[in-house]
Amino acid sequence: IEIKSRTKVSGGLLLRVSHQSISTKTGMTFAVFLPGGSYPVESESKTPYLVYLSGLTCTDENVCQKSGVFRDLAATGVSAV
């Protein structure tokens, strides 16, 4: 697993992460939002999390750029993958 980028947003941290899929034998990228207080990533803090699956034509960036969800996630202390 490789962290491609770290961006501070809405008092939390947005990570873009990539890995090589064993199933498809291709590279895959996903995003993880950590609300304030649940990072650094190496810490053992735990938060509830929401799993969001984009449609076939979407990328991990679509929800990050268009949804405005990070403010609400940060306010409630919920992470998202």
PDB file of N, CA and C in Angstrom:
ATOM      1  N   ILE A   1       0.853  -1.167   0.000  1.00  0.00           N
ATOM      2  CA  ILE A   1       0.000   0.000   0.000  1.00  0.00           C
ATOM      3  C   ILE A   1       0.901   1.233   0.000  1.00  0.00           C
ATOM      4  N   GLU A   2       0.539   2.202  -0.850  1.00  0.00           N
ATOM      5  CA  GLU A   2       1.305   3.436  -0.959  1.00  0.00           C
ATOM      6  C   GLU A   2       0.383   4.636  -0.755  1.00  0.00           C
ATOM      7  N   ILE A   3       0.763   5.539   0.124  1.00  0.00           N
ATOM      8  CA  ILE A   3       0.009   6.776   0.295  1.00  0.00           C
ATOM      9  C   ILE A   3       0.478   7.749  -0.782  1.00  0.00           C
ATOM     10  N   LYS A   4      -0.439   8.091  -1.706  1.00  0.00           N
ATOM     11  CA  LYS A   4      -0.100   8.958  -2.836  1.00  0.00           C
ATOM     12  C   LYS A   4      -0.134  10.426  -2.453  1.00  0.00           C
ATOM     13  N   SER A   5      -1.066  10.802  -1.555  1.00  0.00           N
ATOM     14  CA  SER A   5      -1.141  12.197  -1.127  1.00  0.00           C
ATOM     15  C   SER A   5      -1.845  12.297   0.212  1.00  0.00           C
ATOM     16  N   ARG A   6      -1.551  13.398   0.914  1.00  0.00           N
ATOM     17  CA  ARG A   6      -2.194  13.744   2.185  1.00  0.00           C
ATOM     18  C   ARG A   6      -2.637  15.197   2.060  1.00  0.00           C
ATOM     19  N   THR A   7      -3.928  15.448   2.315  1.00  0.00           N
ATOM     20  CA  THR A   7      -4.464  16.800   2.196  1.00  0.00           C
ATOM     21  C   THR A   7      -5.313  17.107   3.412  1.00  0.00           C
ATOM     22  N   LYS A   8      -5.064  18.240   4.050  1.00  0.00           N
ATOM     23  CA  LYS A   8      -5.899  18.658   5.171  1.00  0.00           C
ATOM     24  C   LYS A   8      -7.190  19.249   4.624  1.00  0.00           C
ATOM     25  N   VAL A   9      -8.319  18.792   5.145  1.00  0.00           N
ATOM     26  CA  VAL A   9      -9.618  19.279   4.702  1.00  0.00           C
ATOM     27  C   VAL A   9     -10.608  19.205   5.859  1.00  0.00           C
ATOM     28  N   SER A  10     -11.359  20.261   6.074  1.00  0.00           N
ATOM     29  CA  SER A  10     -12.416  20.314   7.100  1.00  0.00           C
ATOM     30  C   SER A  10     -11.934  19.858   8.472  1.00  0.00           C
ATOM     31  N   GLY A  11     -10.718  20.205   8.832  1.00  0.00           N
ATOM     32  CA  GLY A  11     -10.186  19.828  10.135  1.00  0.00           C
ATOM     33  C   GLY A  11      -9.759  18.377  10.226  1.00  0.00           C
ATOM     34  N   GLY A  12      -9.774  17.675   9.108  1.00  0.00           N
ATOM     35  CA  GLY A  12      -9.359  16.276   9.071  1.00  0.00           C
ATOM     36  C   GLY A  12      -8.269  16.072   8.038  1.00  0.00           C
ATOM     37  N   LEU A  13      -8.034  14.827   7.676  1.00  0.00           N
ATOM     38  CA  LEU A  13      -6.980  14.472   6.741  1.00  0.00           C
ATOM     39  C   LEU A  13      -7.542  13.553   5.674  1.00  0.00           C
ATOM     40  N   LEU A  14      -7.328  13.903   4.396  1.00  0.00           N
ATOM     41  CA  LEU A  14      -7.752  13.091   3.272  1.00  0.00           C
ATOM     42  C   LEU A  14      -6.523  12.429   2.679  1.00  0.00           C
ATOM     43  N   LEU A  15      -6.541  11.109   2.627  1.00  0.00           N
ATOM     44  CA  LEU A  15      -5.436  10.341   2.050  1.00  0.00           C
ATOM     45  C   LEU A  15      -5.896   9.716   0.741  1.00  0.00           C
ATOM     46  N   ARG A  16      -5.047   9.760  -0.281  1.00  0.00           N
ATOM     47  CA  ARG A  16      -5.275   8.982  -1.504  1.00  0.00           C
ATOM     48  C   ARG A  16      -4.281   7.844  -1.433  1.00  0.00           C
ATOM     49  N   VAL A  17      -4.780   6.631  -1.536  1.00  0.00           N
ATOM     50  CA  VAL A  17      -3.984   5.432  -1.304  1.00  0.00           C
ATOM     51  C   VAL A  17      -4.081   4.525  -2.523  1.00  0.00           C
ATOM     52  N   SER A  18      -2.967   3.899  -2.901  1.00  0.00           N
ATOM     53  CA  SER A  18      -3.009   2.957  -4.021  1.00  0.00           C
ATOM     54  C   SER A  18      -2.444   1.612  -3.576  1.00  0.00           C
ATOM     55  N   HIS A  19      -2.866   0.586  -4.291  1.00  0.00           N
ATOM     56  CA  HIS A  19      -2.357  -0.767  -4.037  1.00  0.00           C
ATOM     57  C   HIS A  19      -2.506  -1.583  -5.317  1.00  0.00           C
ATOM     58  N   GLN A  20      -1.801  -2.665  -5.393  1.00  0.00           N
ATOM     59  CA  GLN A  20      -1.889  -3.577  -6.526  1.00  0.00           C
ATOM     60  C   GLN A  20      -2.918  -4.649  -6.182  1.00  0.00           C
ATOM     61  N   SER A  21      -3.964  -4.769  -6.991  1.00  0.00           N
ATOM     62  CA  SER A  21      -5.013  -5.747  -6.735  1.00  0.00           C
ATOM     63  C   SER A  21      -4.564  -7.133  -7.167  1.00  0.00           C
ATOM     64  N   ILE A  22      -4.734  -8.092  -6.280  1.00  0.00           N
ATOM     65  CA  ILE A  22      -4.438  -9.485  -6.608  1.00  0.00           C
ATOM     66  C   ILE A  22      -5.488 -10.024  -7.577  1.00  0.00           C
ATOM     67  N   SER A  23      -6.750  -9.621  -7.367  1.00  0.00           N
ATOM     68  CA  SER A  23      -7.858 -10.138  -8.187  1.00  0.00           C
ATOM     69  C   SER A  23      -7.788  -9.679  -9.635  1.00  0.00           C
ATOM     70  N   THR A  24      -7.610  -8.373  -9.842  1.00  0.00           N
ATOM     71  CA  THR A  24      -7.641  -7.831 -11.206  1.00  0.00           C
ATOM     72  C   THR A  24      -6.247  -7.662 -11.804  1.00  0.00           C
ATOM     73  N   LYS A  25      -5.236  -7.818 -10.948  1.00  0.00           N
ATOM     74  CA  LYS A  25      -3.850  -7.635 -11.364  1.00  0.00           C
ATOM     75  C   LYS A  25      -3.601  -6.245 -11.957  1.00  0.00           C
ATOM     76  N   THR A  26      -4.282  -5.253 -11.382  1.00  0.00           N
ATOM     77  CA  THR A  26      -4.118  -3.860 -11.792  1.00  0.00           C
ATOM     78  C   THR A  26      -3.939  -2.991 -10.558  1.00  0.00           C
ATOM     79  N   GLY A  27      -3.468  -1.776 -10.782  1.00  0.00           N
ATOM     80  CA  GLY A  27      -3.372  -0.821  -9.693  1.00  0.00           C
ATOM     81  C   GLY A  27      -4.743  -0.263  -9.359  1.00  0.00           C
ATOM     82  N   MET A  28      -5.000  -0.010  -8.102  1.00  0.00           N
ATOM     83  CA  MET A  28      -6.264   0.567  -7.666  1.00  0.00           C
ATOM     84  C   MET A  28      -5.971   1.698  -6.702  1.00  0.00           C
ATOM     85  N   THR A  29      -6.828   2.717  -6.746  1.00  0.00           N
ATOM     86  CA  THR A  29      -6.676   3.877  -5.869  1.00  0.00           C
ATOM     87  C   THR A  29      -7.974   4.108  -5.115  1.00  0.00           C
ATOM     88  N   PHE A  30      -7.862   4.452  -3.840  1.00  0.00           N
ATOM     89  CA  PHE A  30      -9.034   4.785  -3.042  1.00  0.00           C
ATOM     90  C   PHE A  30      -8.665   5.929  -2.108  1.00  0.00           C
ATOM     91  N   ALA A  31      -9.680   6.546  -1.528  1.00  0.00           N
ATOM     92  CA  ALA A  31      -9.466   7.667  -0.623  1.00  0.00           C
ATOM     93  C   ALA A  31      -9.924   7.291   0.779  1.00  0.00           C
ATOM     94  N   VAL A  32      -9.260   7.860   1.772  1.00  0.00           N
ATOM     95  CA  VAL A  32      -9.622   7.666   3.178  1.00  0.00           C
ATOM     96  C   VAL A  32      -9.668   9.045   3.832  1.00  0.00           C
ATOM     97  N   PHE A  33     -10.784   9.369   4.473  1.00  0.00           N
ATOM     98  CA  PHE A  33     -10.887  10.605   5.241  1.00  0.00           C
ATOM     99  C   PHE A  33     -10.823  10.264   6.715  1.00  0.00           C
ATOM    100  N   LEU A  34      -9.931  10.936   7.434  1.00  0.00           N
ATOM    101  CA  LEU A  34      -9.797  10.763   8.881  1.00  0.00           C
ATOM    102  C   LEU A  34     -10.159  12.081   9.543  1.00  0.00           C
ATOM    103  N   PRO A  35     -11.195  12.099  10.401  1.00  0.00           N
ATOM    104  CA  PRO A  35     -11.553  13.352  11.073  1.00  0.00           C
ATOM    105  C   PRO A  35     -10.441  13.771  12.024  1.00  0.00           C
ATOM    106  N   GLY A  36     -10.406  15.056  12.372  1.00  0.00           N
ATOM    107  CA  GLY A  36      -9.391  15.569  13.287  1.00  0.00           C
ATOM    108  C   GLY A  36      -9.317  14.734  14.550  1.00  0.00           C
ATOM    109  N   GLY A  37      -8.090  14.492  15.018  1.00  0.00           N
ATOM    110  CA  GLY A  37      -7.897  13.716  16.236  1.00  0.00           C
ATOM    111  C   GLY A  37      -7.723  12.227  15.988  1.00  0.00           C
ATOM    112  N   SER A  38      -7.942  11.763  14.749  1.00  0.00           N
ATOM    113  CA  SER A  38      -7.783  10.326  14.482  1.00  0.00           C
ATOM    114  C   SER A  38      -6.530  10.051  13.665  1.00  0.00           C
ATOM    115  N   TYR A  39      -5.637  10.990  13.610  1.00  0.00           N
ATOM    116  CA  TYR A  39      -4.363  10.777  12.952  1.00  0.00           C
ATOM    117  C   TYR A  39      -3.296  11.457  13.793  1.00  0.00           C
ATOM    118  N   PRO A  40      -2.016  11.150  13.698  1.00  0.00           N
ATOM    119  CA  PRO A  40      -1.363  10.609  12.526  1.00  0.00           C
ATOM    120  C   PRO A  40      -1.819   9.197  12.197  1.00  0.00           C
ATOM    121  N   VAL A  41      -1.648   8.828  10.951  1.00  0.00           N
ATOM    122  CA  VAL A  41      -2.117   7.537  10.443  1.00  0.00           C
ATOM    123  C   VAL A  41      -1.516   6.386  11.231  1.00  0.00           C
ATOM    124  N   GLU A  42      -0.311   6.574  11.737  1.00  0.00           N
ATOM    125  CA  GLU A  42       0.370   5.508  12.463  1.00  0.00           C
ATOM    126  C   GLU A  42      -0.210   5.283  13.860  1.00  0.00           C
ATOM    127  N   SER A  43      -1.086   6.179  14.313  1.00  0.00           N
ATOM    128  CA  SER A  43      -1.640   6.033  15.658  1.00  0.00           C
ATOM    129  C   SER A  43      -2.634   4.872  15.699  1.00  0.00           C
ATOM    130  N   GLU A  44      -3.021   4.495  16.878  1.00  0.00           N
ATOM    131  CA  GLU A  44      -3.956   3.384  17.037  1.00  0.00           C
ATOM    132  C   GLU A  44      -5.350   3.868  17.392  1.00  0.00           C
ATOM    133  N   SER A  45      -5.632   5.155  17.138  1.00  0.00           N
ATOM    134  CA  SER A  45      -6.967   5.662  17.431  1.00  0.00           C
ATOM    135  C   SER A  45      -7.977   5.025  16.492  1.00  0.00           C
ATOM    136  N   LYS A  46      -9.195   4.853  16.976  1.00  0.00           N
ATOM    137  CA  LYS A  46     -10.240   4.202  16.183  1.00  0.00           C
ATOM    138  C   LYS A  46     -11.431   5.135  16.062  1.00  0.00           C
ATOM    139  N   THR A  47     -12.049   5.140  14.895  1.00  0.00           N
ATOM    140  CA  THR A  47     -13.263   5.919  14.678  1.00  0.00           C
ATOM    141  C   THR A  47     -14.252   5.056  13.921  1.00  0.00           C
ATOM    142  N   PRO A  48     -15.547   5.344  14.057  1.00  0.00           N
ATOM    143  CA  PRO A  48     -16.505   4.661  13.189  1.00  0.00           C
ATOM    144  C   PRO A  48     -16.235   5.117  11.755  1.00  0.00           C
ATOM    145  N   TYR A  49     -16.593   4.287  10.774  1.00  0.00           N
ATOM    146  CA  TYR A  49     -16.314   4.671   9.402  1.00  0.00           C
ATOM    147  C   TYR A  49     -17.459   4.310   8.469  1.00  0.00           C
ATOM    148  N   LEU A  50     -17.504   5.045   7.383  1.00  0.00           N
ATOM    149  CA  LEU A  50     -18.495   4.867   6.337  1.00  0.00           C
ATOM    150  C   LEU A  50     -17.760   4.365   5.104  1.00  0.00           C
ATOM    151  N   VAL A  51     -18.261   3.304   4.476  1.00  0.00           N
ATOM    152  CA  VAL A  51     -17.686   2.812   3.219  1.00  0.00           C
ATOM    153  C   VAL A  51     -18.573   3.315   2.095  1.00  0.00           C
ATOM    154  N   TYR A  52     -17.971   4.051   1.154  1.00  0.00           N
ATOM    155  CA  TYR A  52     -18.694   4.602   0.021  1.00  0.00           C
ATOM    156  C   TYR A  52     -18.133   3.977  -1.250  1.00  0.00           C
ATOM    157  N   LEU A  53     -18.987   3.328  -2.021  1.00  0.00           N
ATOM    158  CA  LEU A  53     -18.565   2.705  -3.273  1.00  0.00           C
ATOM    159  C   LEU A  53     -19.079   3.540  -4.441  1.00  0.00           C
ATOM    160  N   SER A  54     -18.163   4.079  -5.223  1.00  0.00           N
ATOM    161  CA  SER A  54     -18.538   4.881  -6.389  1.00  0.00           C
ATOM    162  C   SER A  54     -19.018   3.979  -7.511  1.00  0.00           C
ATOM    163  N   GLY A  55     -19.712   4.566  -8.466  1.00  0.00           N
ATOM    164  CA  GLY A  55     -20.183   3.831  -9.630  1.00  0.00           C
ATOM    165  C   GLY A  55     -19.033   3.468 -10.559  1.00  0.00           C
ATOM    166  N   LEU A  56     -19.333   2.715 -11.584  1.00  0.00           N
ATOM    167  CA  LEU A  56     -18.309   2.218 -12.500  1.00  0.00           C
ATOM    168  C   LEU A  56     -17.546   3.323 -13.219  1.00  0.00           C
ATOM    169  N   THR A  57     -18.184   4.444 -13.488  1.00  0.00           N
ATOM    170  CA  THR A  57     -17.508   5.517 -14.218  1.00  0.00           C
ATOM    171  C   THR A  57     -16.892   6.555 -13.291  1.00  0.00           C
ATOM    172  N   CYS A  58     -16.949   6.330 -12.000  1.00  0.00           N
ATOM    173  CA  CYS A  58     -16.418   7.280 -11.025  1.00  0.00           C
ATOM    174  C   CYS A  58     -15.021   6.880 -10.588  1.00  0.00           C
ATOM    175  N   THR A  59     -14.297   7.848 -10.079  1.00  0.00           N
ATOM    176  CA  THR A  59     -12.993   7.580  -9.470  1.00  0.00           C
ATOM    177  C   THR A  59     -13.070   7.974  -7.999  1.00  0.00           C
ATOM    178  N   ASP A  60     -12.007   7.729  -7.282  1.00  0.00           N
ATOM    179  CA  ASP A  60     -11.980   8.124  -5.872  1.00  0.00           C
ATOM    180  C   ASP A  60     -12.084   9.641  -5.727  1.00  0.00           C
ATOM    181  N   GLU A  61     -11.745  10.382  -6.761  1.00  0.00           N
ATOM    182  CA  GLU A  61     -11.763  11.843  -6.676  1.00  0.00           C
ATOM    183  C   GLU A  61     -13.165  12.441  -6.818  1.00  0.00           C
ATOM    184  N   ASN A  62     -14.105  11.736  -7.443  1.00  0.00           N
ATOM    185  CA  ASN A  62     -15.436  12.292  -7.668  1.00  0.00           C
ATOM    186  C   ASN A  62     -16.118  12.723  -6.375  1.00  0.00           C
ATOM    187  N   VAL A  63     -16.220  11.831  -5.418  1.00  0.00           N
ATOM    188  CA  VAL A  63     -16.899  12.165  -4.171  1.00  0.00           C
ATOM    189  C   VAL A  63     -16.113  13.224  -3.398  1.00  0.00           C
ATOM    190  N   CYS A  64     -14.801  13.199  -3.497  1.00  0.00           N
ATOM    191  CA  CYS A  64     -13.977  14.181  -2.795  1.00  0.00           C
ATOM    192  C   CYS A  64     -14.200  15.583  -3.340  1.00  0.00           C
ATOM    193  N   GLN A  65     -14.357  15.715  -4.634  1.00  0.00           N
ATOM    194  CA  GLN A  65     -14.474  17.023  -5.264  1.00  0.00           C
ATOM    195  C   GLN A  65     -15.900  17.559  -5.284  1.00  0.00           C
ATOM    196  N   LYS A  66     -16.898  16.688  -5.321  1.00  0.00           N
ATOM    197  CA  LYS A  66     -18.258  17.143  -5.582  1.00  0.00           C
ATOM    198  C   LYS A  66     -19.236  17.039  -4.422  1.00  0.00           C
ATOM    199  N   SER A  67     -18.952  16.216  -3.419  1.00  0.00           N
ATOM    200  CA  SER A  67     -19.990  15.909  -2.425  1.00  0.00           C
ATOM    201  C   SER A  67     -20.070  16.895  -1.258  1.00  0.00           C
ATOM    202  N   GLY A  68     -18.960  17.477  -0.852  1.00  0.00           N
ATOM    203  CA  GLY A  68     -18.965  18.334   0.330  1.00  0.00           C
ATOM    204  C   GLY A  68     -19.192  17.570   1.628  1.00  0.00           C
ATOM    205  N   VAL A  69     -18.911  16.275   1.627  1.00  0.00           N
ATOM    206  CA  VAL A  69     -19.217  15.407   2.759  1.00  0.00           C
ATOM    207  C   VAL A  69     -18.241  15.562   3.933  1.00  0.00           C
ATOM    208  N   PHE A  70     -17.056  16.092   3.703  1.00  0.00           N
ATOM    209  CA  PHE A  70     -16.033  16.097   4.746  1.00  0.00           C
ATOM    210  C   PHE A  70     -16.412  16.941   5.959  1.00  0.00           C
ATOM    211  N   ARG A  71     -17.099  18.031   5.761  1.00  0.00           N
ATOM    212  CA  ARG A  71     -17.520  18.879   6.886  1.00  0.00           C
ATOM    213  C   ARG A  71     -18.405  18.086   7.844  1.00  0.00           C
ATOM    214  N   ASP A  72     -19.372  17.342   7.284  1.00  0.00           N
ATOM    215  CA  ASP A  72     -20.283  16.556   8.126  1.00  0.00           C
ATOM    216  C   ASP A  72     -19.566  15.381   8.790  1.00  0.00           C
ATOM    217  N   LEU A  73     -18.674  14.735   8.058  1.00  0.00           N
ATOM    218  CA  LEU A  73     -17.902  13.638   8.657  1.00  0.00           C
ATOM    219  C   LEU A  73     -17.048  14.153   9.813  1.00  0.00           C
ATOM    220  N   ALA A  74     -16.392  15.279   9.610  1.00  0.00           N
ATOM    221  CA  ALA A  74     -15.540  15.848  10.664  1.00  0.00           C
ATOM    222  C   ALA A  74     -16.373  16.235  11.885  1.00  0.00           C
ATOM    223  N   ALA A  75     -17.559  16.814  11.653  1.00  0.00           N
ATOM    224  CA  ALA A  75     -18.418  17.254  12.757  1.00  0.00           C
ATOM    225  C   ALA A  75     -18.912  16.085  13.598  1.00  0.00           C
ATOM    226  N   THR A  76     -19.088  14.929  12.968  1.00  0.00           N
ATOM    227  CA  THR A  76     -19.601  13.756  13.687  1.00  0.00           C
ATOM    228  C   THR A  76     -18.499  12.772  14.094  1.00  0.00           C
ATOM    229  N   GLY A  77     -17.247  13.048  13.681  1.00  0.00           N
ATOM    230  CA  GLY A  77     -16.136  12.175  14.056  1.00  0.00           C
ATOM    231  C   GLY A  77     -16.126  10.856  13.326  1.00  0.00           C
ATOM    232  N   VAL A  78     -16.665  10.825  12.113  1.00  0.00           N
ATOM    233  CA  VAL A  78     -16.741   9.587  11.321  1.00  0.00           C
ATOM    234  C   VAL A  78     -15.703   9.621  10.212  1.00  0.00           C
ATOM    235  N   SER A  79     -14.998   8.521  10.040  1.00  0.00           N
ATOM    236  CA  SER A  79     -14.048   8.369   8.937  1.00  0.00           C
ATOM    237  C   SER A  79     -14.801   7.840   7.720  1.00  0.00           C
ATOM    238  N   ALA A  80     -14.187   7.963   6.547  1.00  0.00           N
ATOM    239  CA  ALA A  80     -14.791   7.413   5.334  1.00  0.00           C
ATOM    240  C   ALA A  80     -13.717   6.750   4.485  1.00  0.00           C
ATOM    241  N   VAL A  81     -14.092   5.657   3.840  1.00  0.00           N
ATOM    242  CA  VAL A  81     -13.204   4.950   2.907  1.00  0.00           C
ATOM    243  C   VAL A  81     -13.917   4.887   1.589  1.00  0.00           C
TER     244      VAL A  81
END
